[in-house]
Amino acid sequence: MINTITYDIQPGIRLHHIATEQFKTVSIGIHFHQQLTREEAAKNALLSDVMRRGNSKFQNTAAINRYMQSLYGAYFDADIKRKGEDQILSFVISVVEDTYLPKGETCVLEAFSALLDMVLCPLVVDGGFRSDYVEQEKVNLINDIEALINDKRTYALWRLIENMCQNDAYSIYELGDKTSVESITPKVLYEQYRTIIHQSPVDIFVTGNTNIQPIVNMALERFKKIASTRTSYPQTSLYMPTGTYQSIEEVYEVSQAKLSMGFYTGIGPKDPRYSALMVFNSIFGSGAHSKLFNNVREKLSLAYYASSRLERSKGIMAVSSGIEYQNREKAEAEILAQLTAMKEGDITDYEFDVSVKSIINSLRSMQDSAGYLADYYLGQAVSGTLISLEEQCRLISCVTKDEVIAVANVIQPEMVYVMRGEQ
């Protein structure tokens, strides 16, 4: 059984304890929420990389690693992620729970203190971050941005979303773009840090079986002079249908064409139909039991792979497939035919039952990872749903076939994107 308790540290700053005996470690994450914008995406992405390099107490990676080793091999990392149009800077440390240490020794509170140092005590030189760290991480970030195109399957899906949502923030890549990265200076980056510290809502997640009160007390002390001017999370608007079915085709150096299709669902995480949408997606294209896998790929051999996924906060479903270009029209037509079949109620008991079990098993498996568990509850906080894993499993188990059919009938195709090689 997992219990979650939330403590208010300051306006806009909350600490959540995910109490579970599943792990022998305690994971603590500090997450800053920023509205995803073209002007700031690259700054935020670079900021997490630079801050990971050191702070005023531990000034380089070697010093950080030595201290982590003194805490019985604690693990520290910083990263950037997105949930909808919320760009999140995350700083995470994982350490052995005090119960498993030699008598009288402790690590958890020391690890949290070190994490707070990484976040609240940056290494500043002449009014900015260290210039060598900034320049080195700019190169690394640009390499990461340019590497997106190397995975053509992922890139084709991204190009679909980018084109579908071209007029709003959802089309912005969370790492920013090369030109924006190149223009960032150490002082500009430090000013961005100060903005984030004083204007971002903050979530602190503590996952594990530990004495939470000393951690709460330390958070209260260290954040007592910091109160976010923004107390609500960045909001993501649902995708609005265009009423047209657009087709885009682009040429790249690929031997296998990529067919990606975007669908309007109009169902966000707060919608009571969302659980039925999850079951629909599983039946339609999520897993080896799905219609896309068994019909488009296996029976008709129209695709090397075919699957669907939900863009949870945007109300979009995206289909990804790898095809021979000459099969483009057949594959597209068959994917649409599978949607039509579900609208007409063509769902076997096997497809329905396996899909429900698959989702529930996937949800329950999150309990085996402190990272996945914290990320699930972070997503719940951002979306404002606050549904526990146990409750989400219950909601999935209560979905009926009629509810899935009703959801299928609101879904409509919006765009098809094809990445092909030279003919």
Protein backbone atom coordinates (compact mmCIF):
# COMPACT_ATOMS: atom_id res chain seq x y z
CA MET A 1 0.00 0.00 0.00
CA ILE A 2 1.33 3.42 -0.99
CA ASN A 3 0.42 6.47 1.07
CA THR A 4 1.02 10.01 -0.13
CA ILE A 5 1.08 13.06 2.12
CA THR A 6 1.60 16.65 0.93
CA TYR A 7 3.14 19.45 3.01
CA ASP A 8 2.96 23.15 2.12
CA ILE A 9 6.46 24.59 2.47
CA GLN A 10 5.84 28.05 0.99
CA PRO A 11 3.29 29.51 -1.43
CA GLY A 12 3.88 27.57 -4.65
CA ILE A 13 6.28 25.12 -2.98
CA ARG A 14 5.00 21.69 -1.91
CA LEU A 15 6.68 18.59 -0.50
CA HIS A 16 5.10 15.20 -1.21
CA HIS A 17 5.99 12.04 0.67
CA ILE A 18 5.31 8.83 -1.25
CA ALA A 19 5.54 6.43 1.68
CA THR A 20 6.32 2.88 0.55
CA GLU A 21 8.32 -0.03 1.95
CA GLN A 22 9.08 -1.27 -1.55
CA PHE A 23 12.63 0.12 -1.63
CA LYS A 24 15.76 0.06 0.52
CA THR A 25 16.64 3.50 -0.82
CA VAL A 26 15.07 6.94 -0.55
CA SER A 27 14.73 9.04 -3.68
CA ILE A 28 14.31 12.81 -3.38
CA GLY A 29 13.54 15.04 -6.35
CA ILE A 30 13.14 18.81 -6.60
CA HIS A 31 11.16 19.91 -9.66
CA PHE A 32 10.77 23.47 -10.98
CA HIS A 33 7.88 24.14 -13.37
CA GLN A 34 8.23 26.59 -16.25
CA GLN A 35 5.86 27.46 -19.08
CA LEU A 36 7.39 26.00 -22.25
CA THR A 37 8.35 28.91 -24.56
CA ARG A 38 10.65 29.26 -27.54
CA GLU A 39 12.54 32.06 -25.80
CA GLU A 40 13.35 30.05 -22.66
CA ALA A 41 13.36 26.35 -23.64
CA ALA A 42 17.08 26.27 -24.48
CA LYS A 43 18.02 28.31 -21.38
CA ASN A 44 16.21 25.91 -19.08
CA ALA A 45 17.70 22.85 -20.77
CA LEU A 46 21.21 24.30 -20.55
CA LEU A 47 20.65 25.36 -16.94
CA SER A 48 20.07 21.81 -15.74
CA ASP A 49 23.26 20.65 -17.48
CA VAL A 50 25.41 23.45 -16.05
CA MET A 51 24.05 23.14 -12.51
CA ARG A 52 24.77 19.41 -12.56
CA ARG A 53 28.48 20.26 -12.94
CA GLY A 54 28.86 21.84 -9.51
CA ASN A 55 27.81 24.42 -6.91
CA SER A 56 29.50 26.76 -4.45
CA LYS A 57 30.20 23.84 -2.08
CA PHE A 58 31.01 21.06 -4.55
CA GLN A 59 32.61 22.96 -7.42
CA ASN A 60 33.15 20.18 -9.93
CA THR A 61 31.94 16.73 -10.88
CA ALA A 62 34.81 15.02 -9.06
CA ALA A 63 33.88 16.74 -5.78
CA ILE A 64 30.24 15.79 -6.22
CA ASN A 65 31.14 12.16 -6.94
CA ARG A 66 33.42 11.97 -3.90
CA TYR A 67 30.64 13.22 -1.65
CA MET A 68 28.13 10.83 -3.22
CA GLN A 69 30.52 7.96 -2.49
CA SER A 70 30.79 9.09 1.14
CA LEU A 71 27.02 8.63 1.34
CA TYR A 72 27.36 4.92 0.55
CA GLY A 73 27.17 5.41 -3.20
CA ALA A 74 24.35 7.94 -3.44
CA TYR A 75 23.28 8.91 -6.96
CA PHE A 76 22.69 12.46 -8.19
CA ASP A 77 21.45 13.79 -11.52
CA ALA A 78 19.75 16.79 -13.10
CA ASP A 79 17.55 16.68 -16.16
CA ILE A 80 14.89 18.45 -18.17
CA LYS A 81 11.50 16.92 -18.96
CA ARG A 82 8.14 18.06 -20.18
CA LYS A 83 4.58 17.27 -19.25
CA GLY A 84 2.33 18.91 -21.77
CA GLU A 85 3.44 22.53 -22.04
CA ASP A 86 5.15 22.38 -18.65
CA GLN A 87 8.95 22.31 -18.94
CA ILE A 88 10.34 20.83 -15.73
CA LEU A 89 13.85 21.17 -14.33
CA SER A 90 14.48 18.15 -12.13
CA PHE A 91 17.24 17.56 -9.59
CA VAL A 92 17.21 14.08 -8.05
CA ILE A 93 19.27 12.23 -5.45
CA SER A 94 18.90 8.61 -4.37
CA VAL A 95 20.48 7.24 -1.20
CA VAL A 96 20.35 4.17 1.05
CA GLU A 97 17.64 4.44 3.71
CA ASP A 98 19.11 4.97 7.19
CA THR A 99 17.71 1.69 8.54
CA TYR A 100 20.20 -0.27 6.42
CA LEU A 101 23.30 1.64 7.54
CA PRO A 102 25.65 0.72 10.44
CA LYS A 103 24.16 1.72 13.77
CA GLY A 104 24.26 5.44 14.42
CA GLU A 105 24.97 6.46 10.83
CA THR A 106 22.55 8.43 8.66
CA CYS A 107 22.49 9.46 5.01
CA VAL A 108 19.02 10.64 4.00
CA LEU A 109 19.07 14.07 5.60
CA GLU A 110 22.67 14.66 4.49
CA ALA A 111 21.71 13.73 0.93
CA PHE A 112 18.76 16.13 0.98
CA SER A 113 21.04 18.90 2.27
CA ALA A 114 23.47 18.23 -0.59
CA LEU A 115 20.60 18.30 -3.09
CA LEU A 116 19.45 21.66 -1.72
CA ASP A 117 23.03 22.95 -2.06
CA MET A 118 23.01 21.93 -5.72
CA VAL A 119 19.77 23.81 -6.28
CA LEU A 120 20.04 26.85 -4.00
CA CYS A 121 23.80 27.53 -3.89
CA PRO A 122 24.93 27.83 -7.52
CA LEU A 123 28.55 28.33 -8.51
CA VAL A 124 28.66 31.98 -9.65
CA VAL A 125 31.73 33.76 -11.07
CA ASP A 126 31.63 37.48 -12.00
CA GLY A 127 27.85 37.62 -12.00
CA GLY A 128 27.33 34.49 -14.08
CA PHE A 129 27.87 30.74 -14.18
CA ARG A 130 31.36 29.45 -14.86
CA SER A 131 32.07 30.25 -18.49
CA ASP A 132 33.94 26.99 -19.21
CA TYR A 133 31.03 24.93 -17.86
CA VAL A 134 28.56 26.96 -19.93
CA GLU A 135 30.54 26.63 -23.16
CA GLN A 136 31.14 22.90 -22.71
CA GLU A 137 27.49 22.19 -21.95
CA LYS A 138 26.35 24.33 -24.89
CA VAL A 139 28.28 21.99 -27.18
CA ASN A 140 26.75 18.93 -25.51
CA LEU A 141 23.23 20.38 -25.69
CA ILE A 142 23.57 21.26 -29.37
CA ASN A 143 24.76 17.70 -30.02
CA ASP A 144 21.66 16.38 -28.23
CA ILE A 145 19.37 18.65 -30.26
CA GLU A 146 20.97 17.63 -33.54
CA ALA A 147 20.88 13.94 -32.56
CA LEU A 148 17.07 13.90 -32.58
CA ILE A 149 17.04 13.41 -36.34
CA ASN A 150 19.23 10.29 -36.07
CA ASP A 151 16.32 8.26 -34.70
CA LYS A 152 14.03 8.53 -37.68
CA ARG A 153 11.13 6.74 -35.98
CA THR A 154 11.10 9.25 -33.10
CA TYR A 155 11.84 12.17 -35.40
CA ALA A 156 8.95 11.36 -37.74
CA LEU A 157 6.58 11.25 -34.80
CA TRP A 158 7.97 14.56 -33.56
CA ARG A 159 7.50 16.17 -36.99
CA LEU A 160 3.86 15.04 -36.92
CA ILE A 161 3.25 16.68 -33.53
CA GLU A 162 5.23 19.76 -34.54
CA ASN A 163 3.03 20.27 -37.59
CA MET A 164 -0.25 19.47 -35.85
CA CYS A 165 0.48 21.93 -33.04
CA GLN A 166 2.47 24.50 -35.00
CA ASN A 167 0.58 27.45 -33.55
CA ASP A 168 1.06 26.68 -29.84
CA ALA A 169 3.71 25.80 -27.28
CA TYR A 170 3.21 22.06 -27.65
CA SER A 171 5.24 22.20 -30.87
CA ILE A 172 8.34 23.45 -29.03
CA TYR A 173 11.13 20.93 -28.48
CA GLU A 174 11.94 20.79 -24.77
CA LEU A 175 15.67 21.13 -25.40
CA GLY A 176 15.21 24.28 -27.47
CA ASP A 177 17.00 24.92 -30.78
CA LYS A 178 20.62 25.33 -31.82
CA THR A 179 20.43 29.07 -32.55
CA SER A 180 18.97 29.82 -29.12
CA VAL A 181 21.64 27.75 -27.37
CA GLU A 182 24.46 29.52 -29.20
CA SER A 183 23.29 32.94 -28.00
CA ILE A 184 23.29 32.09 -24.26
CA THR A 185 26.00 33.72 -22.12
CA PRO A 186 26.97 32.85 -18.51
CA LYS A 187 25.26 36.00 -17.21
CA VAL A 188 22.10 35.42 -19.24
CA LEU A 189 21.93 31.88 -17.88
CA TYR A 190 22.36 33.07 -14.28
CA GLU A 191 19.55 35.60 -14.73
CA GLN A 192 17.37 32.74 -15.98
CA TYR A 193 18.26 30.78 -12.84
CA ARG A 194 17.20 33.68 -10.61
CA THR A 195 13.92 33.98 -12.51
CA ILE A 196 13.18 30.28 -12.08
CA ILE A 197 14.03 30.23 -8.38
CA HIS A 198 11.67 33.10 -7.59
CA GLN A 199 8.89 32.53 -10.14
CA SER A 200 8.46 28.78 -10.57
CA PRO A 201 6.10 26.49 -8.69
CA VAL A 202 8.18 23.77 -7.00
CA ASP A 203 7.42 20.16 -6.13
CA ILE A 204 9.65 18.12 -3.84
CA PHE A 205 9.01 14.37 -3.98
CA VAL A 206 10.38 12.06 -1.30
CA THR A 207 9.88 8.41 -2.24
CA GLY A 208 10.57 5.69 0.31
CA ASN A 209 10.13 4.57 3.88
CA THR A 210 11.85 7.32 5.88
CA ASN A 211 11.24 9.71 8.76
CA ILE A 212 9.74 12.60 6.83
CA GLN A 213 9.55 15.29 9.52
CA PRO A 214 13.29 16.19 9.58
CA ILE A 215 13.14 16.52 5.77
CA VAL A 216 10.09 18.79 6.01
CA ASN A 217 11.83 20.88 8.65
CA MET A 218 14.93 21.27 6.50
CA ALA A 219 12.82 22.26 3.50
CA LEU A 220 11.00 24.87 5.60
CA GLU A 221 14.33 26.30 6.77
CA ARG A 222 16.09 26.36 3.39
CA PHE A 223 13.10 27.73 1.45
CA LYS A 224 11.94 30.22 4.08
CA LYS A 225 13.19 33.21 2.05
CA ILE A 226 11.91 31.81 -1.25
CA ALA A 227 8.26 32.05 -2.20
CA SER A 228 7.25 31.55 -5.80
CA THR A 229 5.31 34.37 -7.42
CA ARG A 230 3.50 31.69 -9.44
CA THR A 231 1.60 29.14 -7.45
CA SER A 232 -0.16 27.28 -10.28
CA TYR A 233 1.30 24.95 -12.87
CA PRO A 234 1.66 25.90 -16.54
CA GLN A 235 -1.51 24.87 -18.34
CA THR A 236 -1.79 22.85 -21.53
CA SER A 237 -4.68 23.62 -23.88
CA LEU A 238 -6.41 20.70 -25.58
CA TYR A 239 -5.85 20.30 -29.30
CA MET A 240 -8.73 21.73 -31.34
CA PRO A 241 -9.73 19.89 -34.53
CA THR A 242 -9.22 21.67 -37.85
CA GLY A 243 -12.03 19.92 -39.69
CA THR A 244 -9.61 18.89 -42.44
CA TYR A 245 -7.39 15.87 -42.99
CA GLN A 246 -3.97 17.23 -43.87
CA SER A 247 -1.17 15.31 -45.55
CA ILE A 248 2.53 16.18 -45.32
CA GLU A 249 5.38 14.35 -47.04
CA GLU A 250 9.10 15.03 -46.53
CA VAL A 251 12.23 13.50 -48.04
CA TYR A 252 15.11 12.30 -45.86
CA GLU A 253 17.92 9.78 -46.18
CA VAL A 254 15.89 6.75 -45.15
CA SER A 255 15.51 3.30 -46.65
CA GLN A 256 12.31 2.56 -44.74
CA ALA A 257 9.50 5.11 -44.98
CA LYS A 258 7.82 6.33 -41.79
CA LEU A 259 4.07 6.80 -41.71
CA SER A 260 2.81 8.80 -38.74
CA MET A 261 -0.84 9.75 -38.19
CA GLY A 262 -2.35 12.21 -35.75
CA PHE A 263 -5.87 11.90 -34.34
CA TYR A 264 -8.05 14.26 -32.33
CA THR A 265 -9.50 12.77 -29.15
CA GLY A 266 -10.61 15.87 -27.25
CA ILE A 267 -10.15 13.93 -24.01
CA GLY A 268 -7.72 15.27 -21.42
CA PRO A 269 -6.62 13.66 -18.12
CA LYS A 270 -9.42 15.35 -16.13
CA ASP A 271 -12.11 14.00 -18.46
CA PRO A 272 -14.10 11.13 -16.87
CA ARG A 273 -13.68 9.29 -20.18
CA TYR A 274 -9.89 9.22 -19.92
CA SER A 275 -9.70 5.69 -18.49
CA ALA A 276 -11.84 4.44 -21.37
CA LEU A 277 -9.51 6.26 -23.77
CA MET A 278 -6.54 4.42 -22.24
CA VAL A 279 -8.28 1.10 -22.86
CA PHE A 280 -9.21 2.17 -26.39
CA ASN A 281 -5.59 3.03 -27.16
CA SER A 282 -4.39 -0.31 -25.82
CA ILE A 283 -6.85 -2.23 -28.00
CA PHE A 284 -6.13 -0.07 -31.03
CA GLY A 285 -2.37 0.05 -31.08
CA SER A 286 -0.52 -0.44 -27.80
CA GLY A 287 1.03 -3.88 -27.60
CA ALA A 288 1.19 -7.24 -29.35
CA HIS A 289 -2.50 -7.81 -28.61
CA SER A 290 -3.58 -4.67 -30.51
CA LYS A 291 -5.41 -4.32 -33.80
CA LEU A 292 -2.60 -2.41 -35.48
CA PHE A 293 -0.06 -5.07 -34.55
CA ASN A 294 -2.19 -8.07 -35.50
CA ASN A 295 -3.86 -6.70 -38.61
CA VAL A 296 -1.67 -4.02 -40.19
CA ARG A 297 1.63 -5.70 -39.29
CA GLU A 298 1.02 -9.43 -38.92
CA LYS A 299 -1.91 -10.38 -41.17
CA LEU A 300 -1.44 -7.89 -44.02
CA SER A 301 2.33 -7.28 -43.69
CA LEU A 302 1.84 -3.58 -44.46
CA ALA A 303 4.21 -2.35 -41.77
CA TYR A 304 7.42 -3.37 -40.03
CA TYR A 305 5.96 -1.89 -36.85
CA ALA A 306 2.71 -0.12 -36.04
CA SER A 307 1.67 1.30 -32.70
CA SER A 308 -0.30 4.14 -31.14
CA ARG A 309 0.30 6.39 -28.14
CA LEU A 310 -1.62 9.10 -26.31
CA GLU A 311 -0.35 12.63 -25.92
CA ARG A 312 -1.96 12.67 -22.49
CA SER A 313 -2.35 16.38 -21.81
CA LYS A 314 -3.04 17.48 -25.38
CA GLY A 315 -5.96 15.30 -26.39
CA ILE A 316 -4.09 13.72 -29.31
CA MET A 317 -3.45 10.12 -30.31
CA ALA A 318 -0.45 9.47 -32.57
CA VAL A 319 0.17 6.38 -34.69
CA SER A 320 3.72 5.46 -35.67
CA SER A 321 4.61 2.91 -38.33
CA GLY A 322 7.48 1.88 -40.58
CA ILE A 323 6.49 0.90 -44.11
CA GLU A 324 7.63 0.35 -47.68
CA TYR A 325 6.73 3.57 -49.46
CA GLN A 326 4.74 1.77 -52.18
CA ASN A 327 2.43 0.51 -49.40
CA ARG A 328 1.76 4.00 -48.07
CA GLU A 329 -1.88 4.30 -49.22
CA LYS A 330 -2.75 0.72 -48.23
CA ALA A 331 -1.21 1.08 -44.78
CA GLU A 332 -2.93 4.41 -44.15
CA ALA A 333 -6.28 3.02 -45.29
CA GLU A 334 -5.92 -0.06 -43.08
CA ILE A 335 -5.05 1.99 -39.99
CA LEU A 336 -8.20 4.04 -40.57
CA ALA A 337 -10.16 0.84 -41.17
CA GLN A 338 -9.16 -0.47 -37.74
CA LEU A 339 -10.48 2.74 -36.17
CA THR A 340 -13.73 2.34 -38.08
CA ALA A 341 -14.01 -1.26 -36.89
CA MET A 342 -13.74 -0.14 -33.27
CA LYS A 343 -16.35 2.57 -33.83
CA GLU A 344 -18.67 -0.15 -35.08
CA GLY A 345 -18.06 -2.28 -32.00
CA ASP A 346 -15.64 -4.80 -33.50
CA ILE A 347 -13.82 -5.55 -30.24
CA THR A 348 -13.37 -9.15 -29.13
CA ASP A 349 -13.52 -10.20 -25.50
CA TYR A 350 -9.87 -11.26 -25.78
CA GLU A 351 -8.77 -7.84 -27.07
CA PHE A 352 -10.70 -6.06 -24.35
CA ASP A 353 -9.63 -8.27 -21.43
CA VAL A 354 -5.95 -8.39 -22.41
CA SER A 355 -5.88 -4.61 -22.88
CA VAL A 356 -7.33 -3.94 -19.44
CA LYS A 357 -4.89 -6.37 -17.81
CA SER A 358 -1.98 -4.92 -19.77
CA ILE A 359 -2.67 -1.38 -18.55
CA ILE A 360 -3.15 -2.48 -14.94
CA ASN A 361 0.07 -4.53 -15.01
CA SER A 362 1.93 -1.57 -16.48
CA LEU A 363 0.61 0.74 -13.75
CA ARG A 364 1.46 -1.72 -10.99
CA SER A 365 4.98 -2.19 -12.36
CA MET A 366 5.63 1.49 -11.58
CA GLN A 367 5.73 0.47 -7.92
CA ASP A 368 8.99 -1.35 -8.66
CA SER A 369 10.85 1.87 -9.50
CA ALA A 370 11.12 4.92 -7.25
CA GLY A 371 11.75 7.06 -10.33
CA TYR A 372 8.67 5.88 -12.20
CA LEU A 373 6.57 6.14 -9.07
CA ALA A 374 7.59 9.74 -8.40
CA ASP A 375 7.13 10.62 -12.08
CA TYR A 376 3.59 9.21 -12.02
CA TYR A 377 2.60 11.37 -9.05
CA LEU A 378 4.39 14.38 -10.53
CA GLY A 379 2.24 13.96 -13.64
CA GLN A 380 -0.87 13.71 -11.48
CA ALA A 381 0.06 16.93 -9.70
CA VAL A 382 0.67 18.80 -12.97
CA SER A 383 -2.63 17.65 -14.50
CA GLY A 384 -4.55 18.35 -11.29
CA THR A 385 -6.02 14.85 -11.19
CA LEU A 386 -4.27 13.47 -8.07
CA ILE A 387 -5.40 9.90 -8.75
CA SER A 388 -3.45 7.26 -6.84
CA LEU A 389 -2.06 4.22 -8.63
CA GLU A 390 -4.56 2.00 -6.83
CA GLU A 391 -7.46 4.23 -7.85
CA GLN A 392 -6.25 4.42 -11.45
CA CYS A 393 -6.12 0.63 -11.61
CA ARG A 394 -9.65 0.48 -10.21
CA LEU A 395 -10.90 2.99 -12.79
CA ILE A 396 -9.36 0.95 -15.61
CA SER A 397 -10.93 -2.27 -14.29
CA CYS A 398 -14.37 -0.61 -14.30
CA VAL A 399 -14.24 0.47 -17.96
CA THR A 400 -16.86 -1.22 -20.14
CA LYS A 401 -16.72 -2.16 -23.81
CA ASP A 402 -19.56 0.27 -24.57
CA GLU A 403 -17.54 3.11 -23.05
CA VAL A 404 -14.59 2.22 -25.28
CA ILE A 405 -16.84 2.22 -28.35
CA ALA A 406 -18.25 5.61 -27.34
CA VAL A 407 -14.70 7.00 -27.05
CA ALA A 408 -13.78 5.53 -30.44
CA ASN A 409 -16.63 7.47 -32.02
CA VAL A 410 -15.25 10.86 -30.95
CA ILE A 411 -11.80 10.18 -32.41
CA GLN A 412 -11.09 11.59 -35.84
CA PRO A 413 -8.01 11.71 -38.07
CA GLU A 414 -6.36 15.12 -38.42
CA MET A 415 -3.02 14.65 -40.14
CA VAL A 416 -0.81 12.12 -41.87
CA TYR A 417 2.93 12.67 -42.04
CA VAL A 418 5.19 10.62 -44.31
CA MET A 419 8.97 10.55 -44.19
CA ARG A 420 10.39 8.84 -47.26
CA GLY A 421 13.65 8.44 -49.10
CA GLU A 422 14.44 9.62 -52.60
CA GLN A 423 12.22 7.75 -55.05
